Amino acid sequence: MSKFDKKALRDRLVEQRLHLEDRLARADALQGILRVWLIDRPDTVIGAYWPIKGEFDPLPALHRWKEDGELMDEPQRRRIGLPVIDKVHKTLTFHVWYPGCPMEEDAYGIPKPKDTELIVPTLLFVPCVGYGPGGYRLGYGGGFYDRTLAALQPRPFTVGVGFTNGFIDDFQPEPHDQPLDAILNDNGVVWPITPL
């Protein structure tokens, strides 16, 4: 798939996502799926993202996950991080986020935590413009997540999130694309495929 084809596909998928008539209902369904999926996860530090262009917003479910940990009086408190762009390496680092924390816009106009602690997530939620078989995702084309995942040691467990309209059955990954460990959409877990 050429760069031109990928750009056209990205544009079409974002446009579809922005105009989904039932996007709020799909988002509610995915909030529930995400909350249930997190129940058995051992992670205490999760990286997420600030939603743009009609993306699913994982932050309400993650804030609930954080509060649940506080109610259970866990020895290690749960923390949520949002990405901050490292302009030199064109990768992402994650800084603590909580509702009401100070925010500022990054170079792309996306809100990021301002002057909060750097954290290293063991679980990372990644937004998907599109996604396909094998756990591969179509992002916005900047390569930030692929470079970040290639550099992070240990590599976090990665989970793509998106709506069902983002599935691309004939998606062809490029050599630098990093497959995700799991993908969730508003119908449930779509990767890895589990036998019935």
C-alpha atoms as a PDB file:
ATOM      1  CA  MET A   1       0.000   0.000   0.000  1.00  0.00           C
ATOM      2  CA  SER A   2       1.510   3.334  -1.050  1.00  0.00           C
ATOM      3  CA  LYS A   3       1.794   6.376   1.223  1.00  0.00           C
ATOM      4  CA  PHE A   4      -0.909   8.035  -0.877  1.00  0.00           C
ATOM      5  CA  ASP A   5      -3.239   5.039  -0.436  1.00  0.00           C
ATOM      6  CA  LYS A   6      -2.591   5.004   3.330  1.00  0.00           C
ATOM      7  CA  LYS A   7      -3.328   8.712   3.610  1.00  0.00           C
ATOM      8  CA  ALA A   8      -6.589   8.301   1.676  1.00  0.00           C
ATOM      9  CA  LEU A   9      -7.529   5.322   3.874  1.00  0.00           C
ATOM     10  CA  ARG A  10      -6.705   7.287   7.060  1.00  0.00           C
ATOM     11  CA  ASP A  11      -8.763  10.254   5.889  1.00  0.00           C
ATOM     12  CA  ARG A  12     -11.728   8.023   4.989  1.00  0.00           C
ATOM     13  CA  LEU A  13     -11.644   6.133   8.323  1.00  0.00           C
ATOM     14  CA  VAL A  14     -11.356   9.329  10.408  1.00  0.00           C
ATOM     15  CA  GLU A  15     -14.243  10.880   8.452  1.00  0.00           C
ATOM     16  CA  GLN A  16     -16.372   7.760   9.015  1.00  0.00           C
ATOM     17  CA  ARG A  17     -15.524   7.741  12.721  1.00  0.00           C
ATOM     18  CA  LEU A  18     -16.439  11.410  13.125  1.00  0.00           C
ATOM     19  CA  HIS A  19     -19.827  10.790  11.523  1.00  0.00           C
ATOM     20  CA  LEU A  20     -20.828   7.499  13.155  1.00  0.00           C
ATOM     21  CA  GLU A  21     -24.474   8.081  14.091  1.00  0.00           C
ATOM     22  CA  ASP A  22     -24.175   5.744  17.075  1.00  0.00           C
ATOM     23  CA  ARG A  23     -20.648   6.732  18.157  1.00  0.00           C
ATOM     24  CA  LEU A  24     -21.751   7.571  21.723  1.00  0.00           C
ATOM     25  CA  ALA A  25     -23.460   4.187  22.125  1.00  0.00           C
ATOM     26  CA  ARG A  26     -20.375   2.462  20.703  1.00  0.00           C
ATOM     27  CA  ALA A  27     -18.163   4.448  23.101  1.00  0.00           C
ATOM     28  CA  ASP A  28     -20.354   3.405  26.059  1.00  0.00           C
ATOM     29  CA  ALA A  29     -20.074  -0.239  24.985  1.00  0.00           C
ATOM     30  CA  LEU A  30     -16.292   0.042  24.684  1.00  0.00           C
ATOM     31  CA  GLN A  31     -16.059   1.716  28.124  1.00  0.00           C
ATOM     32  CA  GLY A  32     -17.737  -1.363  29.606  1.00  0.00           C
ATOM     33  CA  ILE A  33     -15.567  -3.782  27.622  1.00  0.00           C
ATOM     34  CA  LEU A  34     -12.406  -1.961  28.709  1.00  0.00           C
ATOM     35  CA  ARG A  35     -13.416  -1.978  32.379  1.00  0.00           C
ATOM     36  CA  VAL A  36     -14.146  -5.723  32.335  1.00  0.00           C
ATOM     37  CA  TRP A  37     -10.960  -6.466  30.353  1.00  0.00           C
ATOM     38  CA  LEU A  38      -8.861  -4.657  32.984  1.00  0.00           C
ATOM     39  CA  ILE A  39     -10.209  -6.668  35.940  1.00  0.00           C
ATOM     40  CA  ASP A  40      -7.629  -9.474  35.772  1.00  0.00           C
ATOM     41  CA  ARG A  41      -4.682  -7.360  34.634  1.00  0.00           C
ATOM     42  CA  PRO A  42      -1.842  -7.070  37.204  1.00  0.00           C
ATOM     43  CA  ASP A  43      -0.640  -3.686  35.907  1.00  0.00           C
ATOM     44  CA  THR A  44      -0.383  -0.653  38.171  1.00  0.00           C
ATOM     45  CA  VAL A  45       0.980   1.812  35.573  1.00  0.00           C
ATOM     46  CA  ILE A  46      -1.021   2.254  32.359  1.00  0.00           C
ATOM     47  CA  GLY A  47      -0.200   4.538  29.465  1.00  0.00           C
ATOM     48  CA  ALA A  48      -3.081   5.939  27.465  1.00  0.00           C
ATOM     49  CA  TYR A  49      -3.739   8.841  25.094  1.00  0.00           C
ATOM     50  CA  TRP A  50      -5.757  12.039  24.855  1.00  0.00           C
ATOM     51  CA  PRO A  51      -8.527  11.356  22.294  1.00  0.00           C
ATOM     52  CA  ILE A  52      -8.569  13.401  19.079  1.00  0.00           C
ATOM     53  CA  LYS A  53     -10.532  13.244  15.801  1.00  0.00           C
ATOM     54  CA  GLY A  54     -13.397  11.204  17.243  1.00  0.00           C
ATOM     55  CA  GLU A  55     -11.189   8.563  18.879  1.00  0.00           C
ATOM     56  CA  PHE A  56     -12.528   6.451  21.714  1.00  0.00           C
ATOM     57  CA  ASP A  57     -11.762   8.093  25.073  1.00  0.00           C
ATOM     58  CA  PRO A  58     -10.229   5.484  27.439  1.00  0.00           C
ATOM     59  CA  LEU A  59      -9.719   7.943  30.306  1.00  0.00           C
ATOM     60  CA  PRO A  60     -13.101   7.522  32.084  1.00  0.00           C
ATOM     61  CA  ALA A  61     -12.628   3.722  32.301  1.00  0.00           C
ATOM     62  CA  LEU A  62      -9.012   4.163  33.398  1.00  0.00           C
ATOM     63  CA  HIS A  63      -9.922   6.683  36.074  1.00  0.00           C
ATOM     64  CA  ARG A  64     -12.497   4.178  37.375  1.00  0.00           C
ATOM     65  CA  TRP A  65      -9.774   1.480  37.316  1.00  0.00           C
ATOM     66  CA  LYS A  66      -7.522   3.796  39.357  1.00  0.00           C
ATOM     67  CA  GLU A  67     -10.305   4.483  41.883  1.00  0.00           C
ATOM     68  CA  ASP A  68     -11.073   0.747  42.155  1.00  0.00           C
ATOM     69  CA  GLY A  69      -7.434   0.153  43.146  1.00  0.00           C
ATOM     70  CA  GLU A  70      -7.720   2.798  45.858  1.00  0.00           C
ATOM     71  CA  LEU A  71     -10.908   1.173  47.182  1.00  0.00           C
ATOM     72  CA  MET A  72      -9.132  -2.201  47.329  1.00  0.00           C
ATOM     73  CA  ASP A  73      -6.294  -0.569  49.290  1.00  0.00           C
ATOM     74  CA  GLU A  74      -3.640  -2.044  47.012  1.00  0.00           C
ATOM     75  CA  PRO A  75      -0.044  -1.799  48.242  1.00  0.00           C
ATOM     76  CA  GLN A  76       1.021  -0.101  44.967  1.00  0.00           C
ATOM     77  CA  ARG A  77      -1.201   2.726  43.837  1.00  0.00           C
ATOM     78  CA  ARG A  78      -2.412   2.678  40.272  1.00  0.00           C
ATOM     79  CA  ARG A  79      -1.260   5.421  37.924  1.00  0.00           C
ATOM     80  CA  ILE A  80      -2.240   6.611  34.459  1.00  0.00           C
ATOM     81  CA  GLY A  81       0.158   8.279  32.034  1.00  0.00           C
ATOM     82  CA  LEU A  82      -0.393  10.326  28.893  1.00  0.00           C
ATOM     83  CA  PRO A  83       2.152  10.727  26.094  1.00  0.00           C
ATOM     84  CA  VAL A  84       4.593  13.586  25.792  1.00  0.00           C
ATOM     85  CA  ILE A  85       6.541  13.844  22.532  1.00  0.00           C
ATOM     86  CA  ASP A  86      10.324  13.583  22.681  1.00  0.00           C
ATOM     87  CA  LYS A  87      11.156  15.878  19.753  1.00  0.00           C
ATOM     88  CA  VAL A  88      14.771  14.701  19.488  1.00  0.00           C
ATOM     89  CA  HIS A  89      14.062  10.958  19.165  1.00  0.00           C
ATOM     90  CA  LYS A  90      10.498  11.307  17.789  1.00  0.00           C
ATOM     91  CA  THR A  91       9.260   8.920  20.465  1.00  0.00           C
ATOM     92  CA  LEU A  92       6.822   9.227  23.349  1.00  0.00           C
ATOM     93  CA  THR A  93       7.398   9.315  27.079  1.00  0.00           C
ATOM     94  CA  PHE A  94       4.521   9.047  29.539  1.00  0.00           C
ATOM     95  CA  HIS A  95       3.766  11.451  32.349  1.00  0.00           C
ATOM     96  CA  VAL A  96       1.258  11.072  35.164  1.00  0.00           C
ATOM     97  CA  TRP A  97      -2.287  12.214  34.371  1.00  0.00           C
ATOM     98  CA  TYR A  98      -5.252  12.574  36.704  1.00  0.00           C
ATOM     99  CA  PRO A  99      -8.518  14.496  36.324  1.00  0.00           C
ATOM    100  CA  GLY A 100      -7.777  18.183  36.819  1.00  0.00           C
ATOM    101  CA  CYS A 101      -3.993  17.887  36.493  1.00  0.00           C
ATOM    102  CA  PRO A 102      -2.257  20.850  34.821  1.00  0.00           C
ATOM    103  CA  MET A 103      -2.215  20.432  31.038  1.00  0.00           C
ATOM    104  CA  GLU A 104      -0.638  22.219  28.083  1.00  0.00           C
ATOM    105  CA  GLU A 105      -0.728  21.683  24.332  1.00  0.00           C
ATOM    106  CA  ASP A 106       2.086  19.880  22.542  1.00  0.00           C
ATOM    107  CA  ALA A 107       3.465  20.857  19.112  1.00  0.00           C
ATOM    108  CA  TYR A 108       0.441  19.186  17.471  1.00  0.00           C
ATOM    109  CA  GLY A 109      -2.122  20.971  19.642  1.00  0.00           C
ATOM    110  CA  ILE A 110      -2.862  17.850  21.702  1.00  0.00           C
ATOM    111  CA  PRO A 111      -3.162  18.316  25.477  1.00  0.00           C
ATOM    112  CA  LYS A 112      -0.398  16.746  27.568  1.00  0.00           C
ATOM    113  CA  PRO A 113       0.355  16.739  31.309  1.00  0.00           C
ATOM    114  CA  LYS A 114       2.415  19.739  32.397  1.00  0.00           C
ATOM    115  CA  ASP A 115       5.334  19.109  34.757  1.00  0.00           C
ATOM    116  CA  THR A 116       4.054  15.792  36.137  1.00  0.00           C
ATOM    117  CA  GLU A 117       6.189  12.760  36.989  1.00  0.00           C
ATOM    118  CA  LEU A 118       7.642  10.578  34.230  1.00  0.00           C
ATOM    119  CA  ILE A 119       6.359   6.989  34.487  1.00  0.00           C
ATOM    120  CA  VAL A 120       6.980   3.784  32.523  1.00  0.00           C
ATOM    121  CA  PRO A 121       3.778   1.899  31.695  1.00  0.00           C
ATOM    122  CA  THR A 122       3.586  -1.892  31.745  1.00  0.00           C
ATOM    123  CA  LEU A 123       0.332  -1.688  29.762  1.00  0.00           C
ATOM    124  CA  LEU A 124      -0.173   0.762  26.925  1.00  0.00           C
ATOM    125  CA  PHE A 125      -3.453   1.648  25.236  1.00  0.00           C
ATOM    126  CA  VAL A 126      -2.876   2.770  21.650  1.00  0.00           C
ATOM    127  CA  PRO A 127      -5.465   4.573  19.501  1.00  0.00           C
ATOM    128  CA  CYS A 128      -6.288   2.967  16.153  1.00  0.00           C
ATOM    129  CA  VAL A 129      -7.408   4.843  13.071  1.00  0.00           C
ATOM    130  CA  GLY A 130      -7.703   1.367  11.611  1.00  0.00           C
ATOM    131  CA  TYR A 131      -6.563  -2.147  12.475  1.00  0.00           C
ATOM    132  CA  GLY A 132      -6.252  -5.505  10.797  1.00  0.00           C
ATOM    133  CA  PRO A 133      -5.401  -9.170  11.220  1.00  0.00           C
ATOM    134  CA  GLY A 134      -2.318 -10.046  13.230  1.00  0.00           C
ATOM    135  CA  GLY A 135      -2.712  -7.152  15.669  1.00  0.00           C
ATOM    136  CA  TYR A 136      -1.490  -4.482  13.253  1.00  0.00           C
ATOM    137  CA  ARG A 137      -2.797  -0.923  13.443  1.00  0.00           C
ATOM    138  CA  LEU A 138      -3.049   2.036  11.147  1.00  0.00           C
ATOM    139  CA  GLY A 139      -2.125   5.241  12.979  1.00  0.00           C
ATOM    140  CA  TYR A 140      -1.769   8.794  11.756  1.00  0.00           C
ATOM    141  CA  GLY A 141       1.521   8.124   9.971  1.00  0.00           C
ATOM    142  CA  GLY A 142       3.987   9.815  12.334  1.00  0.00           C
ATOM    143  CA  GLY A 143       5.498   6.533  13.557  1.00  0.00           C
ATOM    144  CA  PHE A 144       5.670   7.736  17.180  1.00  0.00           C
ATOM    145  CA  TYR A 145       4.167   4.565  18.658  1.00  0.00           C
ATOM    146  CA  ASP A 146       6.225   2.205  16.471  1.00  0.00           C
ATOM    147  CA  ARG A 147       9.485   3.966  17.430  1.00  0.00           C
ATOM    148  CA  THR A 148       8.449   4.131  21.094  1.00  0.00           C
ATOM    149  CA  LEU A 149       7.569   0.428  21.229  1.00  0.00           C
ATOM    150  CA  ALA A 150      10.796  -0.521  19.469  1.00  0.00           C
ATOM    151  CA  ALA A 151      12.784   1.441  22.097  1.00  0.00           C
ATOM    152  CA  LEU A 152      10.916   0.666  25.350  1.00  0.00           C
ATOM    153  CA  GLN A 153      12.553  -1.972  27.547  1.00  0.00           C
ATOM    154  CA  PRO A 154      10.816  -3.898  28.865  1.00  0.00           C
ATOM    155  CA  ARG A 155       8.192  -3.552  26.165  1.00  0.00           C
ATOM    156  CA  PRO A 156       4.741  -2.888  27.642  1.00  0.00           C
ATOM    157  CA  PHE A 157       1.740  -5.046  26.835  1.00  0.00           C
ATOM    158  CA  THR A 158       0.043  -3.113  24.017  1.00  0.00           C
ATOM    159  CA  VAL A 159      -3.684  -2.830  23.441  1.00  0.00           C
ATOM    160  CA  GLY A 160      -5.226  -1.101  20.449  1.00  0.00           C
ATOM    161  CA  VAL A 161      -8.658   0.445  20.880  1.00  0.00           C
ATOM    162  CA  GLY A 162     -11.043   1.565  18.189  1.00  0.00           C
ATOM    163  CA  PHE A 163     -14.520   1.209  16.788  1.00  0.00           C
ATOM    164  CA  THR A 164     -15.685  -1.652  14.563  1.00  0.00           C
ATOM    165  CA  ASN A 165     -15.701   0.577  11.465  1.00  0.00           C
ATOM    166  CA  GLY A 166     -11.876   0.724  11.701  1.00  0.00           C
ATOM    167  CA  PHE A 167     -11.347  -2.954  10.805  1.00  0.00           C
ATOM    168  CA  ILE A 168      -9.396  -3.399   7.544  1.00  0.00           C
ATOM    169  CA  ASP A 169      -9.524  -7.060   6.501  1.00  0.00           C
ATOM    170  CA  ASP A 170      -6.784  -6.744   3.866  1.00  0.00           C
ATOM    171  CA  PHE A 171      -4.412  -4.491   5.852  1.00  0.00           C
ATOM    172  CA  GLN A 172      -0.775  -5.065   4.872  1.00  0.00           C
ATOM    173  CA  PRO A 173       1.724  -4.030   7.576  1.00  0.00           C
ATOM    174  CA  GLU A 174       5.077  -2.520   6.668  1.00  0.00           C
ATOM    175  CA  PRO A 175       8.360  -3.956   8.028  1.00  0.00           C
ATOM    176  CA  HIS A 176       8.653  -1.261  10.743  1.00  0.00           C
ATOM    177  CA  ASP A 177       5.068  -1.794  12.023  1.00  0.00           C
ATOM    178  CA  GLN A 178       4.945  -3.202  15.556  1.00  0.00           C
ATOM    179  CA  PRO A 179       2.039  -5.632  16.132  1.00  0.00           C
ATOM    180  CA  LEU A 180      -0.153  -5.029  19.176  1.00  0.00           C
ATOM    181  CA  ASP A 181      -0.701  -7.708  21.810  1.00  0.00           C
ATOM    182  CA  ALA A 182      -4.465  -7.187  21.827  1.00  0.00           C
ATOM    183  CA  ILE A 183      -7.147  -5.085  20.135  1.00  0.00           C
ATOM    184  CA  LEU A 184     -10.488  -4.135  21.680  1.00  0.00           C
ATOM    185  CA  ASN A 185     -13.447  -2.620  19.880  1.00  0.00           C
ATOM    186  CA  ASP A 186     -17.071  -1.927  20.745  1.00  0.00           C
ATOM    187  CA  ASN A 187     -17.915  -5.619  20.124  1.00  0.00           C
ATOM    188  CA  GLY A 188     -15.209  -6.981  22.449  1.00  0.00           C
ATOM    189  CA  VAL A 189     -11.737  -8.478  22.019  1.00  0.00           C
ATOM    190  CA  VAL A 190     -10.904  -8.780  18.310  1.00  0.00           C
ATOM    191  CA  TRP A 191      -7.224  -9.738  18.729  1.00  0.00           C
ATOM    192  CA  PRO A 192      -5.944 -12.205  19.647  1.00  0.00           C
ATOM    193  CA  ILE A 193      -8.563 -14.372  18.046  1.00  0.00           C
ATOM    194  CA  THR A 194      -9.851 -16.912  20.554  1.00  0.00           C
ATOM    195  CA  PRO A 195     -11.504 -20.169  19.504  1.00  0.00           C
ATOM    196  CA  LEU A 196     -15.211 -20.545  20.254  1.00  0.00           C
END
